[in-house]
Amino acid sequence: LTDEKAGALIMAARNICWFGDEA
């Protein structure tokens, strides 16, 4: 993975965790 793709995946994972905590 490139740094950009890895960063996008990390951001997506953080968003998923956020929504999981909010729910």
PDB file of N, CA and C in Angstrom:
ATOM      1  N   LEU A   1       0.834  -1.207   0.000  1.00  0.00           N
ATOM      2  CA  LEU A   1       0.000   0.000   0.000  1.00  0.00           C
ATOM      3  C   LEU A   1       0.867   1.255   0.000  1.00  0.00           C
ATOM      4  N   THR A   2       0.382   2.286  -0.649  1.00  0.00           N
ATOM      5  CA  THR A   2       1.100   3.553  -0.632  1.00  0.00           C
ATOM      6  C   THR A   2       0.733   4.281   0.650  1.00  0.00           C
ATOM      7  N   ASP A   3       1.508   5.300   0.989  1.00  0.00           N
ATOM      8  CA  ASP A   3       1.226   6.054   2.216  1.00  0.00           C
ATOM      9  C   ASP A   3      -0.165   6.679   2.155  1.00  0.00           C
ATOM     10  N   GLU A   4      -0.549   7.158   0.967  1.00  0.00           N
ATOM     11  CA  GLU A   4      -1.860   7.799   0.837  1.00  0.00           C
ATOM     12  C   GLU A   4      -2.982   6.797   1.090  1.00  0.00           C
ATOM     13  N   LYS A   5      -2.848   5.596   0.509  1.00  0.00           N
ATOM     14  CA  LYS A   5      -3.892   4.581   0.690  1.00  0.00           C
ATOM     15  C   LYS A   5      -3.933   4.125   2.136  1.00  0.00           C
ATOM     16  N   ALA A   6      -2.768   3.941   2.736  1.00  0.00           N
ATOM     17  CA  ALA A   6      -2.716   3.515   4.138  1.00  0.00           C
ATOM     18  C   ALA A   6      -3.383   4.574   5.008  1.00  0.00           C
ATOM     19  N   GLY A   7      -3.108   5.842   4.731  1.00  0.00           N
ATOM     20  CA  GLY A   7      -3.698   6.931   5.506  1.00  0.00           C
ATOM     21  C   GLY A   7      -5.213   6.934   5.358  1.00  0.00           C
ATOM     22  N   ALA A   8      -5.700   6.679   4.141  1.00  0.00           N
ATOM     23  CA  ALA A   8      -7.142   6.660   3.909  1.00  0.00           C
ATOM     24  C   ALA A   8      -7.784   5.525   4.694  1.00  0.00           C
ATOM     25  N   LEU A   9      -7.115   4.363   4.718  1.00  0.00           N
ATOM     26  CA  LEU A   9      -7.655   3.217   5.452  1.00  0.00           C
ATOM     27  C   LEU A   9      -7.694   3.511   6.939  1.00  0.00           C
ATOM     28  N   ILE A  10      -6.654   4.174   7.444  1.00  0.00           N
ATOM     29  CA  ILE A  10      -6.605   4.513   8.869  1.00  0.00           C
ATOM     30  C   ILE A  10      -7.742   5.473   9.208  1.00  0.00           C
ATOM     31  N   MET A  11      -7.941   6.468   8.355  1.00  0.00           N
ATOM     32  CA  MET A  11      -9.016   7.431   8.601  1.00  0.00           C
ATOM     33  C   MET A  11     -10.370   6.722   8.581  1.00  0.00           C
ATOM     34  N   ALA A  12     -10.563   5.803   7.639  1.00  0.00           N
ATOM     35  CA  ALA A  12     -11.823   5.066   7.539  1.00  0.00           C
ATOM     36  C   ALA A  12     -12.033   4.228   8.793  1.00  0.00           C
ATOM     37  N   ALA A  13     -10.962   3.581   9.260  1.00  0.00           N
ATOM     38  CA  ALA A  13     -11.068   2.746  10.458  1.00  0.00           C
ATOM     39  C   ALA A  13     -11.437   3.605  11.662  1.00  0.00           C
ATOM     40  N   ARG A  14     -10.843   4.793  11.743  1.00  0.00           N
ATOM     41  CA  ARG A  14     -11.156   5.690  12.862  1.00  0.00           C
ATOM     42  C   ARG A  14     -12.616   6.104  12.802  1.00  0.00           C
ATOM     43  N   ASN A  15     -13.116   6.395  11.597  1.00  0.00           N
ATOM     44  CA  ASN A  15     -14.517   6.795  11.453  1.00  0.00           C
ATOM     45  C   ASN A  15     -15.430   5.667  11.881  1.00  0.00           C
ATOM     46  N   ILE A  16     -15.093   4.431  11.497  1.00  0.00           N
ATOM     47  CA  ILE A  16     -15.907   3.269  11.859  1.00  0.00           C
ATOM     48  C   ILE A  16     -15.922   3.123  13.378  1.00  0.00           C
ATOM     49  N   CYS A  17     -14.765   3.278  14.009  1.00  0.00           N
ATOM     50  CA  CYS A  17     -14.686   3.154  15.470  1.00  0.00           C
ATOM     51  C   CYS A  17     -15.533   4.246  16.115  1.00  0.00           C
ATOM     52  N   TRP A  18     -15.461   5.467  15.562  1.00  0.00           N
ATOM     53  CA  TRP A  18     -16.231   6.589  16.098  1.00  0.00           C
ATOM     54  C   TRP A  18     -17.716   6.275  16.056  1.00  0.00           C
ATOM     55  N   PHE A  19     -18.196   5.801  14.881  1.00  0.00           N
ATOM     56  CA  PHE A  19     -19.613   5.495  14.733  1.00  0.00           C
ATOM     57  C   PHE A  19     -19.997   4.356  15.664  1.00  0.00           C
ATOM     58  N   GLY A  20     -19.080   3.403  15.868  1.00  0.00           N
ATOM     59  CA  GLY A  20     -19.345   2.275  16.767  1.00  0.00           C
ATOM     60  C   GLY A  20     -19.538   2.777  18.189  1.00  0.00           C
ATOM     61  N   ASP A  21     -18.706   3.738  18.603  1.00  0.00           N
ATOM     62  CA  ASP A  21     -18.807   4.273  19.963  1.00  0.00           C
ATOM     63  C   ASP A  21     -20.070   5.122  20.110  1.00  0.00           C
ATOM     64  N   GLU A  22     -20.407   5.863  19.060  1.00  0.00           N
ATOM     65  CA  GLU A  22     -21.574   6.733  19.121  1.00  0.00           C
ATOM     66  C   GLU A  22     -22.859   5.919  19.195  1.00  0.00           C
ATOM     67  N   ALA A  23     -22.873   4.759  18.527  1.00  0.00           N
ATOM     68  CA  ALA A  23     -24.080   3.945  18.435  1.00  0.00           C
ATOM     69  C   ALA A  23     -24.370   3.172  19.693  1.00  0.00           C
TER      70      ALA A  23
END
